[in-house]
Amino acid sequence: MKIIIGSDHAGFDLKEQIKRCLEQTGDHHLTDVGAFSDEPVDYPDIAHEVANDISQEKFNAGILICGSGIGMSIVANRYHKVRAALCSNLYAVKLARQHNDANILVLGGRVLGSGLALEMVDLFLRTKFDGGRHQRRLDKIERG
């Protein structure tokens, strides 16, 4: 699976932990678009890059992390074919994938512990879209 990941400075530490975990499995091709330190950067720059690449289907999944996750999700969801889900628990992650076919997981680096965040990423990447009645609803979103 091809995954693109990005964060601002507030999400940098969590992004690095997620990267280490994903790289250890060796099951994914991971592209990091920044931030590359905890020096301040503007979250829209990172969110635009990840969302644009997901929109163009260059990657199978994306992960965005900022302080709360709110800013990243607002930017990402402006893109065609992007369904960025800001999640704070495992149930939300599961439904985001099963019912909404979310293709970007958005996390709040200042609101989640790393253990839970790592579980959320794993669940996001393992959970499949249910299709069926949910596809009909996604089609209605795309017609927007």
C-alpha atoms as a PDB file:
ATOM      1  CA  MET A   1       0.000   0.000   0.000  1.00  0.00           C
ATOM      2  CA  LYS A   2       1.257   3.473  -0.898  1.00  0.00           C
ATOM      3  CA  ILE A   3       0.762   5.910   1.989  1.00  0.00           C
ATOM      4  CA  ILE A   4       1.466   9.634   2.142  1.00  0.00           C
ATOM      5  CA  ILE A   5       1.895  11.239   5.557  1.00  0.00           C
ATOM      6  CA  GLY A   6       2.280  14.827   6.671  1.00  0.00           C
ATOM      7  CA  SER A   7       2.075  16.982   9.754  1.00  0.00           C
ATOM      8  CA  ASP A   8       2.675  20.458  10.979  1.00  0.00           C
ATOM      9  CA  HIS A   9       5.025  21.155  13.898  1.00  0.00           C
ATOM     10  CA  ALA A  10       2.336  20.258  16.460  1.00  0.00           C
ATOM     11  CA  GLY A  11       1.941  16.819  14.913  1.00  0.00           C
ATOM     12  CA  PHE A  12       5.618  16.204  14.180  1.00  0.00           C
ATOM     13  CA  ASP A  13       6.393  13.903  17.128  1.00  0.00           C
ATOM     14  CA  LEU A  14       3.324  11.742  16.535  1.00  0.00           C
ATOM     15  CA  LYS A  15       4.062  11.578  12.799  1.00  0.00           C
ATOM     16  CA  GLU A  16       7.548  10.318  13.525  1.00  0.00           C
ATOM     17  CA  GLN A  17       6.187   7.607  15.831  1.00  0.00           C
ATOM     18  CA  ILE A  18       3.664   6.522  13.201  1.00  0.00           C
ATOM     19  CA  LYS A  19       6.367   6.426  10.536  1.00  0.00           C
ATOM     20  CA  ARG A  20       8.623   4.232  12.676  1.00  0.00           C
ATOM     21  CA  CYS A  21       5.763   1.830  13.325  1.00  0.00           C
ATOM     22  CA  LEU A  22       4.762   1.606   9.654  1.00  0.00           C
ATOM     23  CA  GLU A  23       8.355   1.243   8.485  1.00  0.00           C
ATOM     24  CA  GLN A  24       8.918  -1.650  10.904  1.00  0.00           C
ATOM     25  CA  THR A  25       6.181  -3.704   9.283  1.00  0.00           C
ATOM     26  CA  GLY A  26       7.671  -3.255   5.817  1.00  0.00           C
ATOM     27  CA  ASP A  27       4.202  -3.709   4.312  1.00  0.00           C
ATOM     28  CA  HIS A  28       3.872  -0.152   3.024  1.00  0.00           C
ATOM     29  CA  HIS A  29       5.593   2.334   0.774  1.00  0.00           C
ATOM     30  CA  LEU A  30       5.595   5.520   2.868  1.00  0.00           C
ATOM     31  CA  THR A  31       6.152   9.070   1.616  1.00  0.00           C
ATOM     32  CA  ASP A  32       6.670  11.845   4.182  1.00  0.00           C
ATOM     33  CA  VAL A  33       5.962  15.398   2.981  1.00  0.00           C
ATOM     34  CA  GLY A  34       6.875  17.155   6.247  1.00  0.00           C
ATOM     35  CA  ALA A  35       7.140  18.785   8.655  1.00  0.00           C
ATOM     36  CA  PHE A  36      10.662  17.599   9.190  1.00  0.00           C
ATOM     37  CA  SER A  37      11.167  19.160  12.632  1.00  0.00           C
ATOM     38  CA  ASP A  38       9.151  20.805  15.353  1.00  0.00           C
ATOM     39  CA  GLU A  39       9.930  24.251  13.932  1.00  0.00           C
ATOM     40  CA  PRO A  40       6.698  26.115  13.063  1.00  0.00           C
ATOM     41  CA  VAL A  41       5.201  25.469   9.631  1.00  0.00           C
ATOM     42  CA  ASP A  42       1.791  26.314   8.191  1.00  0.00           C
ATOM     43  CA  TYR A  43      -0.529  23.298   8.265  1.00  0.00           C
ATOM     44  CA  PRO A  44      -2.348  24.248   5.016  1.00  0.00           C
ATOM     45  CA  ASP A  45       0.853  23.754   2.995  1.00  0.00           C
ATOM     46  CA  ILE A  46       1.171  20.157   4.185  1.00  0.00           C
ATOM     47  CA  ALA A  47      -2.554  19.406   3.929  1.00  0.00           C
ATOM     48  CA  HIS A  48      -2.706  20.713   0.352  1.00  0.00           C
ATOM     49  CA  GLU A  49       0.155  18.456  -0.723  1.00  0.00           C
ATOM     50  CA  VAL A  50      -1.308  15.306   0.826  1.00  0.00           C
ATOM     51  CA  ALA A  51      -4.878  16.000  -0.324  1.00  0.00           C
ATOM     52  CA  ASN A  52      -3.801  16.866  -3.856  1.00  0.00           C
ATOM     53  CA  ASP A  53      -1.875  13.603  -4.204  1.00  0.00           C
ATOM     54  CA  ILE A  54      -4.782  11.579  -2.781  1.00  0.00           C
ATOM     55  CA  SER A  55      -7.181  13.393  -5.113  1.00  0.00           C
ATOM     56  CA  GLN A  56      -4.997  12.423  -8.069  1.00  0.00           C
ATOM     57  CA  GLU A  57      -4.887   8.828  -6.760  1.00  0.00           C
ATOM     58  CA  LYS A  58      -1.091   8.793  -6.485  1.00  0.00           C
ATOM     59  CA  PHE A  59      -1.446   7.099  -3.079  1.00  0.00           C
ATOM     60  CA  ASN A  60      -3.881   4.591  -1.571  1.00  0.00           C
ATOM     61  CA  ALA A  61      -4.155   6.369   1.776  1.00  0.00           C
ATOM     62  CA  GLY A  62      -3.070   9.507   3.564  1.00  0.00           C
ATOM     63  CA  ILE A  63      -2.427  10.492   7.153  1.00  0.00           C
ATOM     64  CA  LEU A  64      -2.456  14.104   8.349  1.00  0.00           C
ATOM     65  CA  ILE A  65      -1.603  15.322  11.836  1.00  0.00           C
ATOM     66  CA  CYS A  66      -1.791  18.782  13.356  1.00  0.00           C
ATOM     67  CA  GLY A  67      -2.491  19.989  16.887  1.00  0.00           C
ATOM     68  CA  SER A  68      -6.237  19.329  16.899  1.00  0.00           C
ATOM     69  CA  GLY A  69      -6.695  17.794  13.435  1.00  0.00           C
ATOM     70  CA  ILE A  70      -9.369  20.346  12.608  1.00  0.00           C
ATOM     71  CA  GLY A  71      -7.335  22.581  10.313  1.00  0.00           C
ATOM     72  CA  MET A  72      -5.908  19.682   8.325  1.00  0.00           C
ATOM     73  CA  SER A  73      -9.352  18.133   7.810  1.00  0.00           C
ATOM     74  CA  ILE A  74     -10.853  21.433   6.643  1.00  0.00           C
ATOM     75  CA  VAL A  75      -8.145  21.874   4.007  1.00  0.00           C
ATOM     76  CA  ALA A  76      -8.092  18.255   2.848  1.00  0.00           C
ATOM     77  CA  ASN A  77     -11.840  17.984   2.347  1.00  0.00           C
ATOM     78  CA  ARG A  78     -11.796  20.824  -0.174  1.00  0.00           C
ATOM     79  CA  TYR A  79     -10.310  18.400  -2.732  1.00  0.00           C
ATOM     80  CA  HIS A  80     -12.305  16.289  -5.180  1.00  0.00           C
ATOM     81  CA  LYS A  81     -12.311  12.572  -4.294  1.00  0.00           C
ATOM     82  CA  VAL A  82     -10.871  13.242  -0.828  1.00  0.00           C
ATOM     83  CA  ARG A  83     -12.704  11.949   2.195  1.00  0.00           C
ATOM     84  CA  ALA A  84     -10.601  13.038   5.153  1.00  0.00           C
ATOM     85  CA  ALA A  85     -11.895  11.803   8.496  1.00  0.00           C
ATOM     86  CA  LEU A  86     -10.861  13.492  11.731  1.00  0.00           C
ATOM     87  CA  CYS A  87     -11.066  10.683  14.257  1.00  0.00           C
ATOM     88  CA  SER A  88     -10.525  10.546  17.990  1.00  0.00           C
ATOM     89  CA  ASN A  89     -11.437   6.918  18.735  1.00  0.00           C
ATOM     90  CA  LEU A  90     -11.307   3.458  17.172  1.00  0.00           C
ATOM     91  CA  TYR A  91     -15.038   3.257  16.474  1.00  0.00           C
ATOM     92  CA  ALA A  92     -14.909   6.453  14.407  1.00  0.00           C
ATOM     93  CA  VAL A  93     -11.943   5.103  12.437  1.00  0.00           C
ATOM     94  CA  LYS A  94     -13.746   1.849  11.695  1.00  0.00           C
ATOM     95  CA  LEU A  95     -16.903   3.597  10.486  1.00  0.00           C
ATOM     96  CA  ALA A  96     -14.934   6.177   8.522  1.00  0.00           C
ATOM     97  CA  ARG A  97     -13.477   3.341   6.465  1.00  0.00           C
ATOM     98  CA  GLN A  98     -16.476   0.970   6.350  1.00  0.00           C
ATOM     99  CA  HIS A  99     -19.203   3.521   5.646  1.00  0.00           C
ATOM    100  CA  ASN A 100     -17.425   6.549   4.193  1.00  0.00           C
ATOM    101  CA  ASP A 101     -14.433   4.990   2.428  1.00  0.00           C
ATOM    102  CA  ALA A 102     -12.236   7.632   4.071  1.00  0.00           C
ATOM    103  CA  ASN A 103      -8.918   7.889   2.276  1.00  0.00           C
ATOM    104  CA  ILE A 104      -7.173  10.271   4.680  1.00  0.00           C
ATOM    105  CA  LEU A 105      -7.022   9.738   8.423  1.00  0.00           C
ATOM    106  CA  VAL A 106      -6.653  13.010  10.314  1.00  0.00           C
ATOM    107  CA  LEU A 107      -5.335  12.985  13.863  1.00  0.00           C
ATOM    108  CA  GLY A 108      -4.848  15.595  16.560  1.00  0.00           C
ATOM    109  CA  GLY A 109      -1.300  15.354  17.855  1.00  0.00           C
ATOM    110  CA  ARG A 110      -2.126  17.378  20.956  1.00  0.00           C
ATOM    111  CA  VAL A 111      -5.313  15.475  21.812  1.00  0.00           C
ATOM    112  CA  LEU A 112      -4.364  11.819  21.289  1.00  0.00           C
ATOM    113  CA  GLY A 113      -1.916   9.595  23.073  1.00  0.00           C
ATOM    114  CA  SER A 114       0.538   7.827  20.818  1.00  0.00           C
ATOM    115  CA  GLY A 115      -0.664   4.333  21.777  1.00  0.00           C
ATOM    116  CA  LEU A 116      -4.225   5.063  20.699  1.00  0.00           C
ATOM    117  CA  ALA A 117      -3.060   6.912  17.595  1.00  0.00           C
ATOM    118  CA  LEU A 118      -0.974   3.924  16.488  1.00  0.00           C
ATOM    119  CA  GLU A 119      -3.959   1.612  16.981  1.00  0.00           C
ATOM    120  CA  MET A 120      -6.096   4.007  14.955  1.00  0.00           C
ATOM    121  CA  VAL A 121      -3.623   4.040  12.060  1.00  0.00           C
ATOM    122  CA  ASP A 122      -3.436   0.240  12.053  1.00  0.00           C
ATOM    123  CA  LEU A 123      -7.235  -0.069  12.059  1.00  0.00           C
ATOM    124  CA  PHE A 124      -7.573   2.567   9.324  1.00  0.00           C
ATOM    125  CA  LEU A 125      -5.193   0.690   7.049  1.00  0.00           C
ATOM    126  CA  ARG A 126      -6.740  -2.746   7.727  1.00  0.00           C
ATOM    127  CA  THR A 127     -10.426  -1.837   7.453  1.00  0.00           C
ATOM    128  CA  LYS A 128     -12.151  -2.212   4.091  1.00  0.00           C
ATOM    129  CA  PHE A 129     -15.012  -0.178   2.650  1.00  0.00           C
ATOM    130  CA  ASP A 130     -18.342  -2.022   2.919  1.00  0.00           C
ATOM    131  CA  GLY A 131     -19.769  -0.684  -0.365  1.00  0.00           C
ATOM    132  CA  GLY A 132     -23.449  -1.443  -0.954  1.00  0.00           C
ATOM    133  CA  ARG A 133     -25.769   1.255   0.355  1.00  0.00           C
ATOM    134  CA  HIS A 134     -22.724   3.242   1.435  1.00  0.00           C
ATOM    135  CA  GLN A 135     -21.499   3.527  -2.168  1.00  0.00           C
ATOM    136  CA  ARG A 136     -24.807   5.068  -3.184  1.00  0.00           C
ATOM    137  CA  ARG A 137     -24.289   7.724  -0.520  1.00  0.00           C
ATOM    138  CA  LEU A 138     -20.718   8.426  -1.612  1.00  0.00           C
ATOM    139  CA  ASP A 139     -21.957   8.838  -5.183  1.00  0.00           C
ATOM    140  CA  LYS A 140     -24.323  11.539  -3.932  1.00  0.00           C
ATOM    141  CA  ILE A 141     -21.397  13.355  -2.293  1.00  0.00           C
ATOM    142  CA  GLU A 142     -19.411  13.283  -5.538  1.00  0.00           C
ATOM    143  CA  ARG A 143     -22.335  14.718  -7.508  1.00  0.00           C
ATOM    144  CA  GLY A 144     -22.397  17.637  -5.031  1.00  0.00           C
END
